[in-house]
Amino acid sequence: MTTASQLERVQRRIMDAIIGVLVFLVLISLAWAALTVASDLIRSIGQPSFERFKAVTLEILTIFIFIEMFTLLLDYVKNQRLCLTNIVDATLAVVLRELWVQIWAGESAWELLLALSGVVVALAVLRVASMKYSVQEA
């Protein structure tokens, strides 16, 4: 065995260990976020208000972003590459959350809302095109 192949094996093991730790941390973060949302929902039942509803909804949207990032990480671990569709999904989740925040703030300029909406449309077109013209797995 050559020194280069041994070095490559060591690098791969280190990367696998780092990715394993990251996956574990993301799972803990997702569990913690889900528990936080559940406790906020339980507290909201006793005293319903629009502000509580907004806070819980934004927490749920943030969890969706974490889930999309987790999907990206798992896809990379499995295939050693990133799928454009998953990247677009994660970006869509972030942009839609920001759009939601801006709409609920009620203070947003129409130009910002129009720009964010344009980004959503562009990402949706990119996602459809990436699915239609994707490279088939062997």
N, C-alpha and C. Protein backbone atom coordinates (compact mmCIF):
# COMPACT_ATOMS: atom_id res chain seq x y z
N MET A 1 0.83 -1.17 0.00
CA MET A 1 0.00 0.00 0.00
C MET A 1 0.88 1.25 0.00
N THR A 2 0.52 2.21 -0.81
CA THR A 2 1.34 3.42 -0.90
C THR A 2 0.97 4.39 0.20
N THR A 3 1.84 5.32 0.41
CA THR A 3 1.61 6.34 1.43
C THR A 3 0.41 7.21 1.06
N ALA A 4 0.24 7.48 -0.23
CA ALA A 4 -0.88 8.31 -0.68
C ALA A 4 -2.22 7.63 -0.38
N SER A 5 -2.32 6.33 -0.63
CA SER A 5 -3.58 5.64 -0.37
C SER A 5 -3.85 5.53 1.13
N GLN A 6 -2.79 5.38 1.94
CA GLN A 6 -2.97 5.36 3.39
C GLN A 6 -3.44 6.72 3.89
N LEU A 7 -2.86 7.76 3.35
CA LEU A 7 -3.26 9.11 3.73
C LEU A 7 -4.71 9.37 3.33
N GLU A 8 -5.08 8.89 2.16
CA GLU A 8 -6.45 9.05 1.69
C GLU A 8 -7.44 8.32 2.61
N ARG A 9 -7.07 7.10 3.05
CA ARG A 9 -7.92 6.35 3.97
C ARG A 9 -8.08 7.08 5.30
N VAL A 10 -7.00 7.63 5.81
CA VAL A 10 -7.05 8.38 7.07
C VAL A 10 -7.93 9.62 6.92
N GLN A 11 -7.78 10.33 5.80
CA GLN A 11 -8.61 11.50 5.54
C GLN A 11 -10.09 11.11 5.48
N ARG A 12 -10.39 10.01 4.81
CA ARG A 12 -11.78 9.55 4.68
C ARG A 12 -12.35 9.21 6.06
N ARG A 13 -11.58 8.54 6.90
CA ARG A 13 -12.05 8.19 8.25
C ARG A 13 -12.30 9.43 9.09
N ILE A 14 -11.40 10.40 8.99
CA ILE A 14 -11.58 11.65 9.74
C ILE A 14 -12.84 12.37 9.26
N MET A 15 -13.02 12.44 7.94
CA MET A 15 -14.21 13.09 7.40
C MET A 15 -15.48 12.36 7.82
N ASP A 16 -15.46 11.05 7.80
CA ASP A 16 -16.62 10.27 8.23
C ASP A 16 -16.94 10.53 9.70
N ALA A 17 -15.91 10.64 10.53
CA ALA A 17 -16.12 10.92 11.95
C ALA A 17 -16.70 12.31 12.14
N ILE A 18 -16.20 13.29 11.42
CA ILE A 18 -16.72 14.66 11.53
C ILE A 18 -18.16 14.72 11.07
N ILE A 19 -18.46 14.07 9.96
CA ILE A 19 -19.84 14.07 9.46
C ILE A 19 -20.76 13.33 10.42
N GLY A 20 -20.29 12.25 11.02
CA GLY A 20 -21.10 11.54 12.01
C GLY A 20 -21.43 12.43 13.21
N VAL A 21 -20.46 13.19 13.68
CA VAL A 21 -20.71 14.13 14.79
C VAL A 21 -21.71 15.20 14.36
N LEU A 22 -21.56 15.72 13.14
CA LEU A 22 -22.50 16.73 12.65
C LEU A 22 -23.92 16.19 12.55
N VAL A 23 -24.07 14.98 12.04
CA VAL A 23 -25.40 14.37 11.96
C VAL A 23 -26.00 14.23 13.35
N PHE A 24 -25.21 13.79 14.30
CA PHE A 24 -25.68 13.64 15.68
C PHE A 24 -26.11 15.00 16.25
N LEU A 25 -25.33 16.04 16.02
CA LEU A 25 -25.66 17.37 16.53
C LEU A 25 -26.93 17.92 15.88
N VAL A 26 -27.10 17.67 14.60
CA VAL A 26 -28.31 18.13 13.91
C VAL A 26 -29.53 17.40 14.45
N LEU A 27 -29.41 16.09 14.69
CA LEU A 27 -30.54 15.34 15.26
C LEU A 27 -30.90 15.86 16.65
N ILE A 28 -29.91 16.15 17.47
CA ILE A 28 -30.19 16.71 18.79
C ILE A 28 -30.87 18.08 18.65
N SER A 29 -30.38 18.90 17.73
CA SER A 29 -30.98 20.22 17.51
C SER A 29 -32.43 20.10 17.05
N LEU A 30 -32.69 19.17 16.15
CA LEU A 30 -34.07 18.97 15.68
C LEU A 30 -34.98 18.50 16.81
N ALA A 31 -34.50 17.59 17.62
CA ALA A 31 -35.31 17.12 18.75
C ALA A 31 -35.58 18.26 19.72
N TRP A 32 -34.56 19.06 20.00
CA TRP A 32 -34.72 20.19 20.91
C TRP A 32 -35.72 21.20 20.34
N ALA A 33 -35.62 21.48 19.05
CA ALA A 33 -36.55 22.43 18.42
C ALA A 33 -37.98 21.90 18.44
N ALA A 34 -38.14 20.60 18.19
CA ALA A 34 -39.48 20.01 18.22
C ALA A 34 -40.08 20.09 19.63
N LEU A 35 -39.27 19.84 20.65
CA LEU A 35 -39.76 19.96 22.03
C LEU A 35 -40.12 21.41 22.36
N THR A 36 -39.33 22.34 21.89
CA THR A 36 -39.62 23.75 22.12
C THR A 36 -40.95 24.15 21.47
N VAL A 37 -41.15 23.73 20.23
CA VAL A 37 -42.41 24.04 19.54
C VAL A 37 -43.59 23.40 20.26
N ALA A 38 -43.42 22.14 20.69
CA ALA A 38 -44.51 21.46 21.41
C ALA A 38 -44.85 22.20 22.70
N SER A 39 -43.84 22.63 23.45
CA SER A 39 -44.12 23.35 24.69
C SER A 39 -44.76 24.71 24.41
N ASP A 40 -44.32 25.39 23.34
CA ASP A 40 -44.95 26.66 22.97
C ASP A 40 -46.41 26.47 22.55
N LEU A 41 -46.66 25.37 21.85
CA LEU A 41 -48.05 25.08 21.46
C LEU A 41 -48.92 24.82 22.68
N ILE A 42 -48.39 24.08 23.62
CA ILE A 42 -49.17 23.80 24.84
C ILE A 42 -49.45 25.09 25.60
N ARG A 43 -48.45 25.97 25.70
CA ARG A 43 -48.66 27.26 26.37
C ARG A 43 -49.63 28.14 25.60
N SER A 44 -49.64 28.03 24.27
CA SER A 44 -50.51 28.85 23.44
C SER A 44 -51.97 28.46 23.59
N ILE A 45 -52.23 27.21 23.92
CA ILE A 45 -53.61 26.76 24.06
C ILE A 45 -54.29 27.51 25.20
N GLY A 46 -53.57 27.74 26.27
CA GLY A 46 -54.14 28.43 27.42
C GLY A 46 -54.40 29.91 27.20
N GLN A 47 -53.57 30.54 26.40
CA GLN A 47 -53.70 31.97 26.15
C GLN A 47 -53.47 32.26 24.67
N PRO A 48 -54.49 32.01 23.86
CA PRO A 48 -54.31 32.20 22.42
C PRO A 48 -54.14 33.69 22.07
N SER A 49 -53.19 33.95 21.21
CA SER A 49 -53.01 35.31 20.69
C SER A 49 -52.33 35.21 19.34
N PHE A 50 -52.46 36.26 18.57
CA PHE A 50 -51.87 36.26 17.24
C PHE A 50 -50.35 36.26 17.33
N GLU A 51 -49.80 36.94 18.31
CA GLU A 51 -48.35 36.99 18.48
C GLU A 51 -47.79 35.60 18.77
N ARG A 52 -48.47 34.84 19.63
CA ARG A 52 -48.02 33.46 19.93
C ARG A 52 -48.10 32.60 18.67
N PHE A 53 -49.19 32.78 17.91
CA PHE A 53 -49.36 32.02 16.68
C PHE A 53 -48.21 32.32 15.71
N LYS A 54 -47.86 33.60 15.57
CA LYS A 54 -46.75 33.97 14.69
C LYS A 54 -45.44 33.34 15.16
N ALA A 55 -45.20 33.39 16.46
CA ALA A 55 -43.94 32.85 17.00
C ALA A 55 -43.85 31.34 16.76
N VAL A 56 -44.94 30.63 17.01
CA VAL A 56 -44.95 29.17 16.81
C VAL A 56 -44.79 28.84 15.33
N THR A 57 -45.46 29.58 14.47
CA THR A 57 -45.35 29.33 13.04
C THR A 57 -43.93 29.56 12.55
N LEU A 58 -43.28 30.61 13.02
CA LEU A 58 -41.90 30.87 12.62
C LEU A 58 -40.96 29.80 13.15
N GLU A 59 -41.23 29.29 14.35
CA GLU A 59 -40.41 28.19 14.88
C GLU A 59 -40.56 26.94 14.01
N ILE A 60 -41.77 26.67 13.58
CA ILE A 60 -42.02 25.51 12.73
C ILE A 60 -41.31 25.68 11.38
N LEU A 61 -41.37 26.88 10.82
CA LEU A 61 -40.67 27.14 9.55
C LEU A 61 -39.16 26.99 9.72
N THR A 62 -38.65 27.40 10.87
CA THR A 62 -37.22 27.23 11.15
C THR A 62 -36.86 25.76 11.24
N ILE A 63 -37.73 24.95 11.82
CA ILE A 63 -37.50 23.51 11.87
C ILE A 63 -37.45 22.93 10.46
N PHE A 64 -38.33 23.41 9.58
CA PHE A 64 -38.28 22.95 8.19
C PHE A 64 -36.94 23.26 7.54
N ILE A 65 -36.38 24.42 7.87
CA ILE A 65 -35.06 24.78 7.33
C ILE A 65 -34.01 23.81 7.86
N PHE A 66 -34.07 23.50 9.16
CA PHE A 66 -33.13 22.53 9.72
C PHE A 66 -33.28 21.17 9.04
N ILE A 67 -34.51 20.77 8.77
CA ILE A 67 -34.75 19.48 8.11
C ILE A 67 -34.14 19.49 6.71
N GLU A 68 -34.31 20.58 5.98
CA GLU A 68 -33.73 20.66 4.65
C GLU A 68 -32.20 20.62 4.70
N MET A 69 -31.61 21.29 5.69
CA MET A 69 -30.16 21.25 5.83
C MET A 69 -29.69 19.84 6.20
N PHE A 70 -30.47 19.15 7.02
CA PHE A 70 -30.16 17.78 7.40
C PHE A 70 -30.22 16.87 6.17
N THR A 71 -31.21 17.10 5.32
CA THR A 71 -31.33 16.33 4.08
C THR A 71 -30.11 16.56 3.19
N LEU A 72 -29.67 17.83 3.12
CA LEU A 72 -28.45 18.12 2.34
C LEU A 72 -27.26 17.35 2.89
N LEU A 73 -27.12 17.35 4.21
CA LEU A 73 -25.99 16.67 4.84
C LEU A 73 -26.04 15.17 4.58
N LEU A 74 -27.20 14.57 4.74
CA LEU A 74 -27.34 13.14 4.49
C LEU A 74 -27.09 12.79 3.03
N ASP A 75 -27.56 13.64 2.13
CA ASP A 75 -27.34 13.41 0.71
C ASP A 75 -25.85 13.45 0.40
N TYR A 76 -25.15 14.38 1.02
CA TYR A 76 -23.70 14.45 0.80
C TYR A 76 -23.00 13.21 1.36
N VAL A 77 -23.42 12.77 2.54
CA VAL A 77 -22.80 11.59 3.14
C VAL A 77 -23.04 10.37 2.26
N LYS A 78 -24.24 10.24 1.73
CA LYS A 78 -24.59 9.07 0.93
C LYS A 78 -23.92 9.07 -0.44
N ASN A 79 -23.93 10.21 -1.13
CA ASN A 79 -23.48 10.25 -2.52
C ASN A 79 -22.15 10.96 -2.73
N GLN A 80 -21.62 11.57 -1.69
CA GLN A 80 -20.39 12.36 -1.80
C GLN A 80 -20.52 13.49 -2.82
N ARG A 81 -21.73 14.00 -2.97
CA ARG A 81 -22.00 15.16 -3.81
C ARG A 81 -23.32 15.77 -3.34
N LEU A 82 -23.55 17.00 -3.76
CA LEU A 82 -24.79 17.68 -3.38
C LEU A 82 -25.74 17.70 -4.57
N CYS A 83 -26.97 17.42 -4.30
CA CYS A 83 -28.01 17.41 -5.33
C CYS A 83 -28.61 18.82 -5.46
N LEU A 84 -28.70 19.32 -6.68
CA LEU A 84 -29.23 20.67 -6.91
C LEU A 84 -30.65 20.80 -6.38
N THR A 85 -31.44 19.76 -6.52
CA THR A 85 -32.83 19.81 -6.04
C THR A 85 -32.88 20.04 -4.54
N ASN A 86 -32.02 19.37 -3.78
CA ASN A 86 -32.00 19.56 -2.32
C ASN A 86 -31.50 20.94 -1.94
N ILE A 87 -30.54 21.46 -2.69
CA ILE A 87 -30.06 22.81 -2.42
C ILE A 87 -31.17 23.83 -2.66
N VAL A 88 -31.90 23.66 -3.75
CA VAL A 88 -33.01 24.56 -4.07
C VAL A 88 -34.10 24.45 -3.01
N ASP A 89 -34.39 23.24 -2.55
CA ASP A 89 -35.40 23.06 -1.49
C ASP A 89 -35.01 23.81 -0.22
N ALA A 90 -33.76 23.70 0.17
CA ALA A 90 -33.29 24.40 1.37
C ALA A 90 -33.37 25.90 1.18
N THR A 91 -32.96 26.38 0.02
CA THR A 91 -33.02 27.81 -0.26
C THR A 91 -34.46 28.30 -0.28
N LEU A 92 -35.35 27.52 -0.88
CA LEU A 92 -36.77 27.88 -0.88
C LEU A 92 -37.32 27.99 0.53
N ALA A 93 -36.95 27.06 1.38
CA ALA A 93 -37.43 27.11 2.77
C ALA A 93 -36.97 28.39 3.46
N VAL A 94 -35.72 28.78 3.24
CA VAL A 94 -35.19 30.00 3.86
C VAL A 94 -35.90 31.24 3.31
N VAL A 95 -36.05 31.31 1.99
CA VAL A 95 -36.67 32.48 1.37
C VAL A 95 -38.15 32.58 1.74
N LEU A 96 -38.84 31.45 1.75
CA LEU A 96 -40.27 31.48 2.12
C LEU A 96 -40.45 31.89 3.58
N ARG A 97 -39.55 31.45 4.46
CA ARG A 97 -39.64 31.88 5.85
C ARG A 97 -39.44 33.39 5.95
N GLU A 98 -38.46 33.90 5.23
CA GLU A 98 -38.20 35.35 5.25
C GLU A 98 -39.38 36.12 4.67
N LEU A 99 -39.96 35.61 3.60
CA LEU A 99 -41.14 36.24 3.02
C LEU A 99 -42.29 36.27 4.02
N TRP A 100 -42.48 35.17 4.72
CA TRP A 100 -43.53 35.08 5.74
C TRP A 100 -43.29 36.11 6.84
N VAL A 101 -42.05 36.22 7.30
CA VAL A 101 -41.70 37.19 8.35
C VAL A 101 -41.99 38.60 7.87
N GLN A 102 -41.61 38.91 6.65
CA GLN A 102 -41.81 40.25 6.12
C GLN A 102 -43.30 40.58 5.98
N ILE A 103 -44.08 39.62 5.55
CA ILE A 103 -45.52 39.86 5.40
C ILE A 103 -46.15 40.11 6.76
N TRP A 104 -45.78 39.31 7.75
CA TRP A 104 -46.36 39.47 9.08
C TRP A 104 -45.88 40.73 9.79
N ALA A 105 -44.70 41.19 9.44
CA ALA A 105 -44.20 42.42 10.06
C ALA A 105 -45.08 43.60 9.65
N GLY A 106 -45.61 43.55 8.45
CA GLY A 106 -46.51 44.59 8.00
C GLY A 106 -45.82 45.90 7.67
N GLU A 107 -44.52 45.96 7.83
CA GLU A 107 -43.78 47.20 7.59
C GLU A 107 -42.89 47.09 6.37
N SER A 108 -43.02 46.03 5.63
CA SER A 108 -42.11 45.77 4.51
C SER A 108 -42.48 46.63 3.32
N ALA A 109 -41.46 47.04 2.62
CA ALA A 109 -41.67 47.78 1.37
C ALA A 109 -42.15 46.80 0.30
N TRP A 110 -42.97 47.26 -0.57
CA TRP A 110 -43.51 46.38 -1.60
C TRP A 110 -42.40 45.89 -2.53
N GLU A 111 -41.33 46.67 -2.66
CA GLU A 111 -40.22 46.26 -3.51
C GLU A 111 -39.54 45.00 -2.96
N LEU A 112 -39.36 44.96 -1.62
CA LEU A 112 -38.74 43.79 -0.99
C LEU A 112 -39.62 42.56 -1.15
N LEU A 113 -40.91 42.72 -0.93
CA LEU A 113 -41.83 41.59 -1.10
C LEU A 113 -41.85 41.10 -2.54
N LEU A 114 -41.82 42.05 -3.48
CA LEU A 114 -41.79 41.68 -4.90
C LEU A 114 -40.49 40.96 -5.24
N ALA A 115 -39.38 41.44 -4.71
CA ALA A 115 -38.08 40.79 -4.97
C ALA A 115 -38.04 39.38 -4.39
N LEU A 116 -38.51 39.21 -3.15
CA LEU A 116 -38.53 37.88 -2.56
C LEU A 116 -39.46 36.95 -3.33
N SER A 117 -40.58 37.47 -3.79
CA SER A 117 -41.49 36.66 -4.60
C SER A 117 -40.84 36.25 -5.91
N GLY A 118 -40.07 37.16 -6.51
CA GLY A 118 -39.34 36.84 -7.73
C GLY A 118 -38.31 35.74 -7.49
N VAL A 119 -37.64 35.81 -6.35
CA VAL A 119 -36.66 34.76 -6.01
C VAL A 119 -37.36 33.41 -5.86
N VAL A 120 -38.53 33.41 -5.23
CA VAL A 120 -39.29 32.16 -5.06
C VAL A 120 -39.66 31.59 -6.42
N VAL A 121 -40.13 32.43 -7.33
CA VAL A 121 -40.51 31.96 -8.66
C VAL A 121 -39.29 31.42 -9.40
N ALA A 122 -38.17 32.14 -9.33
CA ALA A 122 -36.94 31.68 -10.00
C ALA A 122 -36.47 30.34 -9.43
N LEU A 123 -36.52 30.20 -8.10
CA LEU A 123 -36.12 28.93 -7.48
C LEU A 123 -37.07 27.80 -7.86
N ALA A 124 -38.35 28.11 -7.96
CA ALA A 124 -39.31 27.08 -8.36
C ALA A 124 -39.04 26.61 -9.79
N VAL A 125 -38.73 27.54 -10.69
CA VAL A 125 -38.40 27.19 -12.07
C VAL A 125 -37.12 26.35 -12.10
N LEU A 126 -36.12 26.76 -11.32
CA LEU A 126 -34.86 26.01 -11.25
C LEU A 126 -35.09 24.60 -10.72
N ARG A 127 -35.97 24.47 -9.73
CA ARG A 127 -36.24 23.15 -9.16
C ARG A 127 -36.92 22.24 -10.18
N VAL A 128 -37.91 22.78 -10.88
CA VAL A 128 -38.60 21.98 -11.89
C VAL A 128 -37.62 21.57 -13.00
N ALA A 129 -36.79 22.51 -13.43
CA ALA A 129 -35.81 22.19 -14.48
C ALA A 129 -34.79 21.17 -13.98
N SER A 130 -34.37 21.28 -12.73
CA SER A 130 -33.38 20.32 -12.21
C SER A 130 -33.98 18.93 -12.08
N MET A 131 -35.27 18.85 -11.81
CA MET A 131 -35.90 17.54 -11.74
C MET A 131 -36.10 16.95 -13.14
N LYS A 132 -36.46 17.81 -14.08
CA LYS A 132 -36.73 17.33 -15.44
C LYS A 132 -35.45 16.88 -16.14
N TYR A 133 -34.36 17.63 -15.93
CA TYR A 133 -33.13 17.34 -16.65
C TYR A 133 -32.05 16.76 -15.74
N SER A 134 -32.44 16.09 -14.67
CA SER A 134 -31.45 15.55 -13.73
C SER A 134 -30.72 14.35 -14.32
N VAL A 135 -29.50 14.16 -13.84
CA VAL A 135 -28.69 13.01 -14.25
C VAL A 135 -29.23 11.79 -13.52
N GLN A 136 -29.51 10.75 -14.26
CA GLN A 136 -30.04 9.54 -13.65
C GLN A 136 -28.94 8.79 -12.93
N GLU A 137 -29.27 8.27 -11.73
CA GLU A 137 -28.32 7.48 -10.97
C GLU A 137 -28.09 6.14 -11.66
N ALA A 138 -26.86 5.68 -11.67
CA ALA A 138 -26.54 4.41 -12.33
C ALA A 138 -26.89 3.24 -11.45
